[in-house]
C-alpha atoms as a PDB file:
ATOM      1  CA  UNK A   1      98.597 128.421 135.484  1.00  0.00           C
ATOM      2  CA  UNK A   2      97.850 125.914 133.157  1.00  0.00           C
ATOM      3  CA  UNK A   3      98.996 126.447 129.467  1.00  0.00           C
ATOM      4  CA  UNK A   4      95.821 127.256 127.296  1.00  0.00           C
ATOM      5  CA  UNK A   5      94.607 124.732 124.534  1.00  0.00           C
ATOM      6  CA  UNK A   6      95.108 126.377 120.618  1.00  0.00           C
ATOM      7  CA  UNK A   7      91.537 125.974 119.254  1.00  0.00           C
ATOM      8  CA  UNK A   8      93.524 126.218 115.820  1.00  0.00           C
ATOM      9  CA  UNK A   9      93.034 123.452 113.490  1.00  0.00           C
ATOM     10  CA  UNK A  10      95.340 121.130 112.603  1.00  0.00           C
ATOM     11  CA  UNK A  11      96.885 122.305 108.851  1.00  0.00           C
ATOM     12  CA  UNK A  12      96.220 120.421 106.455  1.00  0.00           C
ATOM     13  CA  UNK A  13      99.711 119.021 105.614  1.00  0.00           C
ATOM     14  CA  UNK A  14      99.533 116.749 108.873  1.00  0.00           C
ATOM     15  CA  UNK A  15      97.157 115.432 106.741  1.00  0.00           C
ATOM     16  CA  UNK A  16      99.137 114.427 103.434  1.00  0.00           C
ATOM     17  CA  UNK A  17     101.911 113.724 105.840  1.00  0.00           C
ATOM     18  CA  UNK A  18      99.365 110.767 107.017  1.00  0.00           C
ATOM     19  CA  UNK A  19      99.906 107.536 105.540  1.00  0.00           C
ATOM     20  CA  UNK A  20      96.670 105.539 103.784  1.00  0.00           C
ATOM     21  CA  UNK A  21      96.905 102.606 105.123  1.00  0.00           C
ATOM     22  CA  UNK A  22      95.056  99.541 104.314  1.00  0.00           C
ATOM     23  CA  UNK A  23      92.035  99.854 106.934  1.00  0.00           C
ATOM     24  CA  UNK A  24      92.027 103.590 105.981  1.00  0.00           C
ATOM     25  CA  UNK A  25      91.482 102.745 102.428  1.00  0.00           C
ATOM     26  CA  UNK A  26      88.910 100.106 102.965  1.00  0.00           C
ATOM     27  CA  UNK A  27      86.862 102.935 104.976  1.00  0.00           C
ATOM     28  CA  UNK A  28      87.265 105.342 102.576  1.00  0.00           C
ATOM     29  CA  UNK A  29      85.849 103.201  99.846  1.00  0.00           C
ATOM     30  CA  UNK A  30      83.019 101.993 102.294  1.00  0.00           C
ATOM     31  CA  UNK A  31      82.439 105.692 102.785  1.00  0.00           C
ATOM     32  CA  UNK A  32      82.374 106.793  98.906  1.00  0.00           C
ATOM     33  CA  UNK A  33      80.176 104.125  97.763  1.00  0.00           C
ATOM     34  CA  UNK A  34      77.664 104.957 100.259  1.00  0.00           C
ATOM     35  CA  UNK A  35      78.122 108.785  99.346  1.00  0.00           C
ATOM     36  CA  UNK A  36      77.867 107.932  95.771  1.00  0.00           C
ATOM     37  CA  UNK A  37      74.733 106.094  96.203  1.00  0.00           C
ATOM     38  CA  UNK A  38      73.235 109.664  97.429  1.00  0.00           C
ATOM     39  CA  UNK A  39      73.278 108.124 100.838  1.00  0.00           C
ATOM     40  CA  UNK A  40      74.474 110.041 104.018  1.00  0.00           C
ATOM     41  CA  UNK A  41      76.958 108.913 106.711  1.00  0.00           C
ATOM     42  CA  UNK A  42      77.321 109.735 110.225  1.00  0.00           C
ATOM     43  CA  UNK A  43      80.739 109.485 112.052  1.00  0.00           C
ATOM     44  CA  UNK A  44      79.187 107.730 114.597  1.00  0.00           C
ATOM     45  CA  UNK A  45      77.561 104.574 112.970  1.00  0.00           C
ATOM     46  CA  UNK A  46      80.410 104.511 110.583  1.00  0.00           C
ATOM     47  CA  UNK A  47      82.630 104.471 113.975  1.00  0.00           C
ATOM     48  CA  UNK A  48      80.618 101.375 115.541  1.00  0.00           C
ATOM     49  CA  UNK A  49      80.622  99.526 111.856  1.00  0.00           C
ATOM     50  CA  UNK A  50      84.433 100.174 111.474  1.00  0.00           C
ATOM     51  CA  UNK A  51      85.164  99.457 115.464  1.00  0.00           C
ATOM     52  CA  UNK A  52      86.638 102.429 115.534  1.00  0.00           C
ATOM     53  CA  UNK A  53      86.390 106.114 117.046  1.00  0.00           C
ATOM     54  CA  UNK A  54      84.229 108.827 115.314  1.00  0.00           C
ATOM     55  CA  UNK A  55      87.495 111.172 115.211  1.00  0.00           C
ATOM     56  CA  UNK A  56      89.383 108.420 113.430  1.00  0.00           C
ATOM     57  CA  UNK A  57      85.963 108.866 110.988  1.00  0.00           C
ATOM     58  CA  UNK A  58      86.661 112.413 110.477  1.00  0.00           C
ATOM     59  CA  UNK A  59      90.034 112.216 109.882  1.00  0.00           C
ATOM     60  CA  UNK A  60      89.140 109.720 106.958  1.00  0.00           C
ATOM     61  CA  UNK A  61      86.509 112.323 105.726  1.00  0.00           C
ATOM     62  CA  UNK A  62      89.267 114.953 106.056  1.00  0.00           C
ATOM     63  CA  UNK A  63      92.121 113.321 103.977  1.00  0.00           C
ATOM     64  CA  UNK A  64      88.891 112.855 101.499  1.00  0.00           C
ATOM     65  CA  UNK A  65      88.106 116.420 101.280  1.00  0.00           C
ATOM     66  CA  UNK A  66      91.427 117.961 101.840  1.00  0.00           C
ATOM     67  CA  UNK A  67      94.199 115.647 100.147  1.00  0.00           C
ATOM     68  CA  UNK A  68      92.044 114.004  97.452  1.00  0.00           C
ATOM     69  CA  UNK A  69      89.075 116.656  96.534  1.00  0.00           C
ATOM     70  CA  UNK A  70      86.378 114.749  96.728  1.00  0.00           C
ATOM     71  CA  UNK A  71      82.799 116.991  97.457  1.00  0.00           C
ATOM     72  CA  UNK A  72      81.835 116.035 100.728  1.00  0.00           C
ATOM     73  CA  UNK A  73      79.964 118.613 103.167  1.00  0.00           C
ATOM     74  CA  UNK A  74      78.809 118.709 106.407  1.00  0.00           C
ATOM     75  CA  UNK A  75      74.486 118.693 107.328  1.00  0.00           C
ATOM     76  CA  UNK A  76      74.411 120.128 110.541  1.00  0.00           C
ATOM     77  CA  UNK A  77      70.686 119.237 111.305  1.00  0.00           C
ATOM     78  CA  UNK A  78      71.224 115.937 110.201  1.00  0.00           C
ATOM     79  CA  UNK A  79      74.662 115.702 111.864  1.00  0.00           C
ATOM     80  CA  UNK A  80      75.774 113.536 108.585  1.00  0.00           C
ATOM     81  CA  UNK A  81      77.956 113.907 105.901  1.00  0.00           C
ATOM     82  CA  UNK A  82      76.780 114.048 101.701  1.00  0.00           C
ATOM     83  CA  UNK A  83      78.111 114.564  98.371  1.00  0.00           C
ATOM     84  CA  UNK A  84      77.571 118.424  96.958  1.00  0.00           C
ATOM     85  CA  UNK A  85      77.545 116.858  93.154  1.00  0.00           C
ATOM     86  CA  UNK A  86      78.122 113.669  91.501  1.00  0.00           C
ATOM     87  CA  UNK A  87      82.122 112.007  92.059  1.00  0.00           C
ATOM     88  CA  UNK A  88      84.026 110.124  90.189  1.00  0.00           C
ATOM     89  CA  UNK A  89      86.843 109.209  92.532  1.00  0.00           C
ATOM     90  CA  UNK A  90      87.862 105.445  93.299  1.00  0.00           C
ATOM     91  CA  UNK A  91      91.215 106.238  91.233  1.00  0.00           C
ATOM     92  CA  UNK A  92      92.467 102.621  92.064  1.00  0.00           C
ATOM     93  CA  UNK A  93      89.185 101.009  90.153  1.00  0.00           C
ATOM     94  CA  UNK A  94      90.420 102.432  86.876  1.00  0.00           C
ATOM     95  CA  UNK A  95      92.274  99.512  86.140  1.00  0.00           C
ATOM     96  CA  UNK A  96      92.118  97.932  82.375  1.00  0.00           C
ATOM     97  CA  UNK A  97      91.666  94.376  81.814  1.00  0.00           C
ATOM     98  CA  UNK A  98      95.304  93.356  81.132  1.00  0.00           C
ATOM     99  CA  UNK A  99      96.339  94.908  84.913  1.00  0.00           C
ATOM    100  CA  UNK A 100      93.557  93.009  86.633  1.00  0.00           C
ATOM    101  CA  UNK A 101      94.979  89.899  85.438  1.00  0.00           C
ATOM    102  CA  UNK A 102      98.371  90.729  86.170  1.00  0.00           C
ATOM    103  CA  UNK A 103      97.093  91.317  89.903  1.00  0.00           C
ATOM    104  CA  UNK A 104      96.053  87.831  89.956  1.00  0.00           C
ATOM    105  CA  UNK A 105      98.971  86.158  88.744  1.00  0.00           C
ATOM    106  CA  UNK A 106     100.957  88.531  91.205  1.00  0.00           C
ATOM    107  CA  UNK A 107      99.234  87.428  93.790  1.00  0.00           C
ATOM    108  CA  UNK A 108      99.423  83.731  92.597  1.00  0.00           C
ATOM    109  CA  UNK A 109     103.422  84.762  92.214  1.00  0.00           C
ATOM    110  CA  UNK A 110     104.022  86.482  95.581  1.00  0.00           C
ATOM    111  CA  UNK A 111     102.142  83.456  97.540  1.00  0.00           C
ATOM    112  CA  UNK A 112     105.194  81.472  97.104  1.00  0.00           C
ATOM    113  CA  UNK A 113     107.002  83.861  98.935  1.00  0.00           C
ATOM    114  CA  UNK A 114     105.230  83.604 101.841  1.00  0.00           C
ATOM    115  CA  UNK A 115     107.108  84.990 105.158  1.00  0.00           C
ATOM    116  CA  UNK A 116     110.048  86.977 103.325  1.00  0.00           C
ATOM    117  CA  UNK A 117     110.294  90.593 103.748  1.00  0.00           C
ATOM    118  CA  UNK A 118     109.667  91.160  99.716  1.00  0.00           C
ATOM    119  CA  UNK A 119     106.754  88.908 100.221  1.00  0.00           C
ATOM    120  CA  UNK A 120     104.709  90.768 102.629  1.00  0.00           C
ATOM    121  CA  UNK A 121     104.913  93.815 101.507  1.00  0.00           C
ATOM    122  CA  UNK A 122     103.783  92.979  98.230  1.00  0.00           C
ATOM    123  CA  UNK A 123     100.943  90.636  99.350  1.00  0.00           C
ATOM    124  CA  UNK A 124     100.288  93.726 101.731  1.00  0.00           C
ATOM    125  CA  UNK A 125      99.903  96.062  98.224  1.00  0.00           C
ATOM    126  CA  UNK A 126      97.557  93.496  97.006  1.00  0.00           C
ATOM    127  CA  UNK A 127      95.153  93.679  99.874  1.00  0.00           C
ATOM    128  CA  UNK A 128      94.965  97.206  99.445  1.00  0.00           C
ATOM    129  CA  UNK A 129      93.677  96.953  96.110  1.00  0.00           C
ATOM    130  CA  UNK A 130      91.298  93.874  96.919  1.00  0.00           C
ATOM    131  CA  UNK A 131      89.930  95.938  99.533  1.00  0.00           C
ATOM    132  CA  UNK A 132      88.626  98.145  96.383  1.00  0.00           C
ATOM    133  CA  UNK A 133      87.868  95.525  93.629  1.00  0.00           C
ATOM    134  CA  UNK A 134      86.419  93.860  96.470  1.00  0.00           C
ATOM    135  CA  UNK A 135      84.011  90.668  94.746  1.00  0.00           C
ATOM    136  CA  UNK A 136      83.614  92.783  91.379  1.00  0.00           C
ATOM    137  CA  UNK A 137      86.144  90.560  89.470  1.00  0.00           C
ATOM    138  CA  UNK A 138      86.670  86.688  89.583  1.00  0.00           C
ATOM    139  CA  UNK A 139      89.686  85.173  87.643  1.00  0.00           C
ATOM    140  CA  UNK A 140      89.968  81.560  87.812  1.00  0.00           C
ATOM    141  CA  UNK A 141      93.262  80.090  88.706  1.00  0.00           C
ATOM    142  CA  UNK A 142      93.453  77.549  85.773  1.00  0.00           C
ATOM    143  CA  UNK A 143      92.997  80.333  83.280  1.00  0.00           C
ATOM    144  CA  UNK A 144      96.561  82.369  83.923  1.00  0.00           C
ATOM    145  CA  UNK A 145      98.566  80.119  82.548  1.00  0.00           C
ATOM    146  CA  UNK A 146      96.447  80.924  79.261  1.00  0.00           C
ATOM    147  CA  UNK A 147      96.538  84.818  79.931  1.00  0.00           C
ATOM    148  CA  UNK A 148      99.862  85.180  77.638  1.00  0.00           C
ATOM    149  CA  UNK A 149      98.225  83.784  74.539  1.00  0.00           C
ATOM    150  CA  UNK A 150      95.090  86.128  74.903  1.00  0.00           C
ATOM    151  CA  UNK A 151      94.618  87.088  71.449  1.00  0.00           C
ATOM    152  CA  UNK A 152      95.651  91.061  70.627  1.00  0.00           C
ATOM    153  CA  UNK A 153      92.611  91.706  68.546  1.00  0.00           C
ATOM    154  CA  UNK A 154      89.920  94.463  68.140  1.00  0.00           C
ATOM    155  CA  UNK A 155      87.395  92.089  70.662  1.00  0.00           C
ATOM    156  CA  UNK A 156      90.777  92.849  73.319  1.00  0.00           C
ATOM    157  CA  UNK A 157      90.787  96.466  72.700  1.00  0.00           C
ATOM    158  CA  UNK A 158      87.067  96.861  73.189  1.00  0.00           C
ATOM    159  CA  UNK A 159      87.660  94.902  76.697  1.00  0.00           C
ATOM    160  CA  UNK A 160      90.106  97.392  77.373  1.00  0.00           C
ATOM    161  CA  UNK A 161      88.049 100.341  76.320  1.00  0.00           C
ATOM    162  CA  UNK A 162      84.853  99.603  78.449  1.00  0.00           C
ATOM    163  CA  UNK A 163      86.673  97.310  81.509  1.00  0.00           C
ATOM    164  CA  UNK A 164      86.924 100.290  83.751  1.00  0.00           C
ATOM    165  CA  UNK A 165      83.595 102.273  82.837  1.00  0.00           C
ATOM    166  CA  UNK A 166      82.224  98.694  83.895  1.00  0.00           C
ATOM    167  CA  UNK A 167      83.588  98.151  87.047  1.00  0.00           C
ATOM    168  CA  UNK A 168      83.318 101.279  88.108  1.00  0.00           C
ATOM    169  CA  UNK A 169      79.201 101.238  87.311  1.00  0.00           C
ATOM    170  CA  UNK A 170      79.114  97.958  89.143  1.00  0.00           C
ATOM    171  CA  UNK A 171      80.780  99.472  92.286  1.00  0.00           C
ATOM    172  CA  UNK A 172      78.692 102.903  92.541  1.00  0.00           C
ATOM    173  CA  UNK A 173      75.185 100.675  91.304  1.00  0.00           C
ATOM    174  CA  UNK A 174      74.819 102.477  88.329  1.00  0.00           C
ATOM    175  CA  UNK A 175      72.277 101.343  85.419  1.00  0.00           C
ATOM    176  CA  UNK A 176      73.922 101.507  81.804  1.00  0.00           C
ATOM    177  CA  UNK A 177      72.138 101.578  78.426  1.00  0.00           C
ATOM    178  CA  UNK A 178      74.376  99.763  75.919  1.00  0.00           C
ATOM    179  CA  UNK A 179      74.430  98.559  72.050  1.00  0.00           C
ATOM    180  CA  UNK A 180      75.200  95.040  71.940  1.00  0.00           C
ATOM    181  CA  UNK A 181      75.953  92.235  69.249  1.00  0.00           C
ATOM    182  CA  UNK A 182      74.514  89.057  69.938  1.00  0.00           C
ATOM    183  CA  UNK A 183      75.661  86.572  68.138  1.00  0.00           C
ATOM    184  CA  UNK A 184      73.814  85.908  64.856  1.00  0.00           C
ATOM    185  CA  UNK A 185      72.682  89.267  65.019  1.00  0.00           C
ATOM    186  CA  UNK A 186      72.990  91.335  61.840  1.00  0.00           C
ATOM    187  CA  UNK A 187      73.424  94.836  64.190  1.00  0.00           C
ATOM    188  CA  UNK A 188      74.090  95.534  67.809  1.00  0.00           C
ATOM    189  CA  UNK A 189      70.645  96.111  69.862  1.00  0.00           C
ATOM    190  CA  UNK A 190      70.052  98.354  73.021  1.00  0.00           C
ATOM    191  CA  UNK A 191      69.853  96.983  76.319  1.00  0.00           C
ATOM    192  CA  UNK A 192      69.480  98.370  79.623  1.00  0.00           C
ATOM    193  CA  UNK A 193      71.662  96.776  82.175  1.00  0.00           C
ATOM    194  CA  UNK A 194      72.325  96.500  85.605  1.00  0.00           C
ATOM    195  CA  UNK A 195      76.383  95.203  85.952  1.00  0.00           C
ATOM    196  CA  UNK A 196      76.904  92.589  88.763  1.00  0.00           C
ATOM    197  CA  UNK A 197      80.370  90.630  88.174  1.00  0.00           C
ATOM    198  CA  UNK A 198      83.370  90.615  85.682  1.00  0.00           C
ATOM    199  CA  UNK A 199      84.506  86.999  84.877  1.00  0.00           C
ATOM    200  CA  UNK A 200      87.637  85.821  82.777  1.00  0.00           C
ATOM    201  CA  UNK A 201      86.716  83.176  80.635  1.00  0.00           C
ATOM    202  CA  UNK A 202      88.009  81.184  77.758  1.00  0.00           C
ATOM    203  CA  UNK A 203      90.475  84.422  77.570  1.00  0.00           C
ATOM    204  CA  UNK A 204      87.519  86.729  77.383  1.00  0.00           C
ATOM    205  CA  UNK A 205      86.293  89.151  79.688  1.00  0.00           C
ATOM    206  CA  UNK A 206      82.392  88.391  80.809  1.00  0.00           C
ATOM    207  CA  UNK A 207      79.963  90.869  82.275  1.00  0.00           C
ATOM    208  CA  UNK A 208      77.457  89.216  84.112  1.00  0.00           C
ATOM    209  CA  UNK A 209      74.353  91.559  84.658  1.00  0.00           C
ATOM    210  CA  UNK A 210      70.479  92.141  84.952  1.00  0.00           C
ATOM    211  CA  UNK A 211      69.275  92.833  81.379  1.00  0.00           C
ATOM    212  CA  UNK A 212      65.867  94.877  82.535  1.00  0.00           C
ATOM    213  CA  UNK A 213      63.876  94.688  79.494  1.00  0.00           C
ATOM    214  CA  UNK A 214      64.234  90.839  79.776  1.00  0.00           C
ATOM    215  CA  UNK A 215      64.123  90.728  83.729  1.00  0.00           C
ATOM    216  CA  UNK A 216      67.138  88.095  83.896  1.00  0.00           C
ATOM    217  CA  UNK A 217      70.319  87.973  84.612  1.00  0.00           C
ATOM    218  CA  UNK A 218      72.066  87.735  81.381  1.00  0.00           C
ATOM    219  CA  UNK A 219      76.318  86.785  80.317  1.00  0.00           C
ATOM    220  CA  UNK A 220      77.730  89.643  78.212  1.00  0.00           C
ATOM    221  CA  UNK A 221      81.168  89.100  76.240  1.00  0.00           C
ATOM    222  CA  UNK A 222      82.638  92.551  76.758  1.00  0.00           C
ATOM    223  CA  UNK A 223      83.918  92.768  73.420  1.00  0.00           C
ATOM    224  CA  UNK A 224      80.793  92.991  71.600  1.00  0.00           C
ATOM    225  CA  UNK A 225      79.870  95.716  73.598  1.00  0.00           C
ATOM    226  CA  UNK A 226      79.850  98.377  70.743  1.00  0.00           C
ATOM    227  CA  UNK A 227      78.679 101.964  73.505  1.00  0.00           C
ATOM    228  CA  UNK A 228      77.667 102.054  76.449  1.00  0.00           C
ATOM    229  CA  UNK A 229      76.353 105.171  78.999  1.00  0.00           C
ATOM    230  CA  UNK A 230      75.000 105.963  82.194  1.00  0.00           C
ATOM    231  CA  UNK A 231      71.269 106.395  82.327  1.00  0.00           C
ATOM    232  CA  UNK A 232      71.496 108.437  84.973  1.00  0.00           C
ATOM    233  CA  UNK A 233      69.683 106.045  87.557  1.00  0.00           C
ATOM    234  CA  UNK A 234      70.762 103.553  90.090  1.00  0.00           C
ATOM    235  CA  UNK A 235      69.974 100.377  90.745  1.00  0.00           C
ATOM    236  CA  UNK A 236      69.958  97.296  93.970  1.00  0.00           C
ATOM    237  CA  UNK A 237      71.574  94.466  93.159  1.00  0.00           C
ATOM    238  CA  UNK A 238      68.972  91.126  92.562  1.00  0.00           C
ATOM    239  CA  UNK A 239      68.507  89.723  96.210  1.00  0.00           C
ATOM    240  CA  UNK A 240      70.264  86.438  96.839  1.00  0.00           C
ATOM    241  CA  UNK A 241      72.544  87.154  93.790  1.00  0.00           C
ATOM    242  CA  UNK A 242      75.559  85.751  94.719  1.00  0.00           C
ATOM    243  CA  UNK A 243      78.524  85.581  91.458  1.00  0.00           C
ATOM    244  CA  UNK A 244      80.577  82.727  92.931  1.00  0.00           C
ATOM    245  CA  UNK A 245      77.466  80.384  93.235  1.00  0.00           C
ATOM    246  CA  UNK A 246      76.193  81.789  89.636  1.00  0.00           C
ATOM    247  CA  UNK A 247      79.446  80.921  88.086  1.00  0.00           C
ATOM    248  CA  UNK A 248      80.136  77.950  90.011  1.00  0.00           C
ATOM    249  CA  UNK A 249      77.959  76.098  87.433  1.00  0.00           C
ATOM    250  CA  UNK A 250      79.497  77.200  84.625  1.00  0.00           C
ATOM    251  CA  UNK A 251      81.517  75.315  82.586  1.00  0.00           C
ATOM    252  CA  UNK A 252      83.038  78.550  79.730  1.00  0.00           C
ATOM    253  CA  UNK A 253      81.261  81.869  78.576  1.00  0.00           C
ATOM    254  CA  UNK A 254      77.489  80.693  79.828  1.00  0.00           C
ATOM    255  CA  UNK A 255      75.801  80.222  83.022  1.00  0.00           C
ATOM    256  CA  UNK A 256      72.330  79.927  83.728  1.00  0.00           C
ATOM    257  CA  UNK A 257      69.588  79.137  86.850  1.00  0.00           C
ATOM    258  CA  UNK A 258      68.525  75.179  86.449  1.00  0.00           C
ATOM    259  CA  UNK A 259      71.403  72.762  88.016  1.00  0.00           C
ATOM    260  CA  UNK A 260      71.904  69.978  85.582  1.00  0.00           C
ATOM    261  CA  UNK A 261      73.620  66.388  86.642  1.00  0.00           C
ATOM    262  CA  UNK A 262      75.798  65.875  83.377  1.00  0.00           C
ATOM    263  CA  UNK A 263      77.435  62.321  83.052  1.00  0.00           C
ATOM    264  CA  UNK A 264      79.130  61.636  80.218  1.00  0.00           C
ATOM    265  CA  UNK A 265      81.160  57.911  79.098  1.00  0.00           C
ATOM    266  CA  UNK A 266      85.033  58.887  77.720  1.00  0.00           C
ATOM    267  CA  UNK A 267      87.608  56.543  76.176  1.00  0.00           C
ATOM    268  CA  UNK A 268      90.435  55.904  77.265  1.00  0.00           C
ATOM    269  CA  UNK A 269      92.166  58.685  75.358  1.00  0.00           C
ATOM    270  CA  UNK A 270      89.542  61.184  76.120  1.00  0.00           C
ATOM    271  CA  UNK A 271      89.798  60.196  80.225  1.00  0.00           C
ATOM    272  CA  UNK A 272      93.451  60.651  80.115  1.00  0.00           C
ATOM    273  CA  UNK A 273      92.953  64.422  78.794  1.00  0.00           C
ATOM    274  CA  UNK A 274      90.104  64.677  81.302  1.00  0.00           C
ATOM    275  CA  UNK A 275      92.523  63.380  84.426  1.00  0.00           C
ATOM    276  CA  UNK A 276      95.011  65.735  83.059  1.00  0.00           C
ATOM    277  CA  UNK A 277      93.410  68.985  82.687  1.00  0.00           C
ATOM    278  CA  UNK A 278      89.712  68.459  84.844  1.00  0.00           C
ATOM    279  CA  UNK A 279      86.708  69.987  82.790  1.00  0.00           C
ATOM    280  CA  UNK A 280      85.447  71.561  86.128  1.00  0.00           C
ATOM    281  CA  UNK A 281      85.437  71.215  89.423  1.00  0.00           C
ATOM    282  CA  UNK A 282      82.615  69.310  90.156  1.00  0.00           C
ATOM    283  CA  UNK A 283      84.281  66.763  88.229  1.00  0.00           C
ATOM    284  CA  UNK A 284      84.239  63.042  89.335  1.00  0.00           C
ATOM    285  CA  UNK A 285      85.254  59.867  87.601  1.00  0.00           C
ATOM    286  CA  UNK A 286      84.597  56.604  87.597  1.00  0.00           C
ATOM    287  CA  UNK A 287      85.523  53.274  85.866  1.00  0.00           C
ATOM    288  CA  UNK A 288      82.758  51.819  83.825  1.00  0.00           C
ATOM    289  CA  UNK A 289      82.195  47.819  82.960  1.00  0.00           C
ATOM    290  CA  UNK A 290      82.992  48.570  79.601  1.00  0.00           C
ATOM    291  CA  UNK A 291      86.621  49.886  79.692  1.00  0.00           C
ATOM    292  CA  UNK A 292      85.646  53.489  79.449  1.00  0.00           C
ATOM    293  CA  UNK A 293      85.310  56.484  82.429  1.00  0.00           C
ATOM    294  CA  UNK A 294      82.407  57.873  83.497  1.00  0.00           C
ATOM    295  CA  UNK A 295      82.638  62.054  84.166  1.00  0.00           C
ATOM    296  CA  UNK A 296      80.138  63.511  86.384  1.00  0.00           C
ATOM    297  CA  UNK A 297      79.824  67.551  86.540  1.00  0.00           C
ATOM    298  CA  UNK A 298      76.959  69.816  87.950  1.00  0.00           C
ATOM    299  CA  UNK A 299      76.711  72.606  85.728  1.00  0.00           C
ATOM    300  CA  UNK A 300      73.923  75.034  85.141  1.00  0.00           C
ATOM    301  CA  UNK A 301      73.903  75.424  81.641  1.00  0.00           C
ATOM    302  CA  UNK A 302      73.689  72.813  78.669  1.00  0.00           C
ATOM    303  CA  UNK A 303      75.789  74.685  75.833  1.00  0.00           C
ATOM    304  CA  UNK A 304      79.380  74.926  76.957  1.00  0.00           C
ATOM    305  CA  UNK A 305      79.323  70.993  77.711  1.00  0.00           C
ATOM    306  CA  UNK A 306      77.270  70.471  74.293  1.00  0.00           C
ATOM    307  CA  UNK A 307      80.059  72.154  72.640  1.00  0.00           C
ATOM    308  CA  UNK A 308      82.749  70.073  74.678  1.00  0.00           C
ATOM    309  CA  UNK A 309      81.812  66.867  73.992  1.00  0.00           C
ATOM    310  CA  UNK A 310      80.988  67.725  70.301  1.00  0.00           C
ATOM    311  CA  UNK A 311      84.992  68.416  70.107  1.00  0.00           C
ATOM    312  CA  UNK A 312      85.533  65.236  71.470  1.00  0.00           C
ATOM    313  CA  UNK A 313      83.766  63.620  68.586  1.00  0.00           C
ATOM    314  CA  UNK A 314      83.122  59.809  69.019  1.00  0.00           C
ATOM    315  CA  UNK A 315      85.073  59.897  72.324  1.00  0.00           C
ATOM    316  CA  UNK A 316      82.715  60.618  74.187  1.00  0.00           C
ATOM    317  CA  UNK A 317      78.921  59.905  74.992  1.00  0.00           C
ATOM    318  CA  UNK A 318      76.559  61.714  76.758  1.00  0.00           C
ATOM    319  CA  UNK A 319      74.275  59.301  79.315  1.00  0.00           C
ATOM    320  CA  UNK A 320      72.604  62.117  80.954  1.00  0.00           C
ATOM    321  CA  UNK A 321      70.809  64.572  80.902  1.00  0.00           C
ATOM    322  CA  UNK A 322      68.506  63.110  78.417  1.00  0.00           C
ATOM    323  CA  UNK A 323      68.219  66.991  76.722  1.00  0.00           C
ATOM    324  CA  UNK A 324      71.935  67.276  76.454  1.00  0.00           C
ATOM    325  CA  UNK A 325      71.485  63.881  74.698  1.00  0.00           C
ATOM    326  CA  UNK A 326      69.225  64.661  72.513  1.00  0.00           C
ATOM    327  CA  UNK A 327      71.033  68.313  71.675  1.00  0.00           C
ATOM    328  CA  UNK A 328      74.569  66.061  70.594  1.00  0.00           C
ATOM    329  CA  UNK A 329      72.804  63.888  68.629  1.00  0.00           C
ATOM    330  CA  UNK A 330      70.792  66.802  66.611  1.00  0.00           C
ATOM    331  CA  UNK A 331      74.114  68.439  66.119  1.00  0.00           C
ATOM    332  CA  UNK A 332      75.873  65.446  65.141  1.00  0.00           C
ATOM    333  CA  UNK A 333      73.037  64.290  62.430  1.00  0.00           C
ATOM    334  CA  UNK A 334      73.454  67.971  61.186  1.00  0.00           C
ATOM    335  CA  UNK A 335      77.317  67.544  60.924  1.00  0.00           C
ATOM    336  CA  UNK A 336      76.857  64.238  58.726  1.00  0.00           C
ATOM    337  CA  UNK A 337      73.961  65.678  56.533  1.00  0.00           C
ATOM    338  CA  UNK A 338      76.627  68.539  55.879  1.00  0.00           C
ATOM    339  CA  UNK A 339      79.284  66.258  54.680  1.00  0.00           C
ATOM    340  CA  UNK A 340      77.104  64.468  53.108  1.00  0.00           C
ATOM    341  CA  UNK A 341      75.238  67.028  51.135  1.00  0.00           C
ATOM    342  CA  UNK A 342      77.766  66.831  48.077  1.00  0.00           C
ATOM    343  CA  UNK A 343      81.312  68.107  46.998  1.00  0.00           C
ATOM    344  CA  UNK A 344      82.801  71.149  48.424  1.00  0.00           C
ATOM    345  CA  UNK A 345      82.999  73.890  46.272  1.00  0.00           C
END
C-alpha cells in the first residue's frame, strides 16, 4: 500500500533557510513595485513574465510574508495577491548618497579582478543591489575620481538626509511636496514633484523630476531641498522619458529639451586641457586654419557651456550657436563694466 502524502504545510524554518539569490531578489522587487502601486498580481502572470513556475512565485510571496513580514493577502475571487496596507519594504533602497557612490566605485574597482573568485563574488553582490536600484541613479565614471574631494558641508548633510526618501519615492512612484530654494530667491518655495532620477554631477546630487505646477521636467539640487513629504498621490512617469537620454546632452548640473550644436574655437592651452580631460562625450576636435582648435559638442542646454567658456576667458571663442555667442558677449561686457566702474571698496 503506497504511503499517504502528508498535507501539512512546509514549516517556516524551511523558508528561512532558503537563500535569496539575485533572481529571487529581482522577482521580489518586481512584486513589491506592483503591489505598492495598488496593483494586484497573480502567480500565473508573474511566472510567465519571469519564466519560472507558479510554485516559485508562490514561494517568493511566502518568503516576503513569513520572513520579511510584508502585509500580503490573498483574494480568492480574483485569484490575486495584494497589500492590505502601505508597506515601506525594500531595505536595500535605504542607502545614502555616500553609499551610492561607494557602490559605483566598488563596481569600477572590482571589474579589474574579472575572472578571479573574489572578483566574481563581489560583482555578484553588486548585481543584487543593482537589481533594486535599477536605473534610478546615475554616476558618470569621470566624476568618481573627484568624489573624495566632495565638500562635507551643510549641502552634503541635506543630501544625506533626503537621498533615501527620494530614491524610494521614485521607485514607488510617490508624488512629493517639497520646499525648494531656487538660486536668487530669498526664501524656499513650495513645489509638487514626481521624482524620476537621481544623478551625481559636479560633486553634488541632483534630482530629475516632473514639476507638476510648471508642467515641465526640472532639475533640483538635493542640498537646496528644505523639506519634503508625500502628498498621498501616485504618478506615472512621462511617456517616453529616458533619464540617460535626458542627461546625455548635459555638461553639468543643467539639462533641457532643445538640442544645440555648439562650436567653440580654443587656443593651444585650452585645447590641450580639452584633450587631456574631455568636456563631454560628444566632443570632437578639429584643427582650424588660424592655429586654434575647434571643439564641437551636442548639448541640450546652454547654461553650463556658457559658464565653461567664461572660465576660459580669452582662450575660447564661441562660433555657434548665435544665442550662446550673444550670451557670452553680454556677460563679458558686464564683467568689463564691473571692473571699470570704480575703485575697490
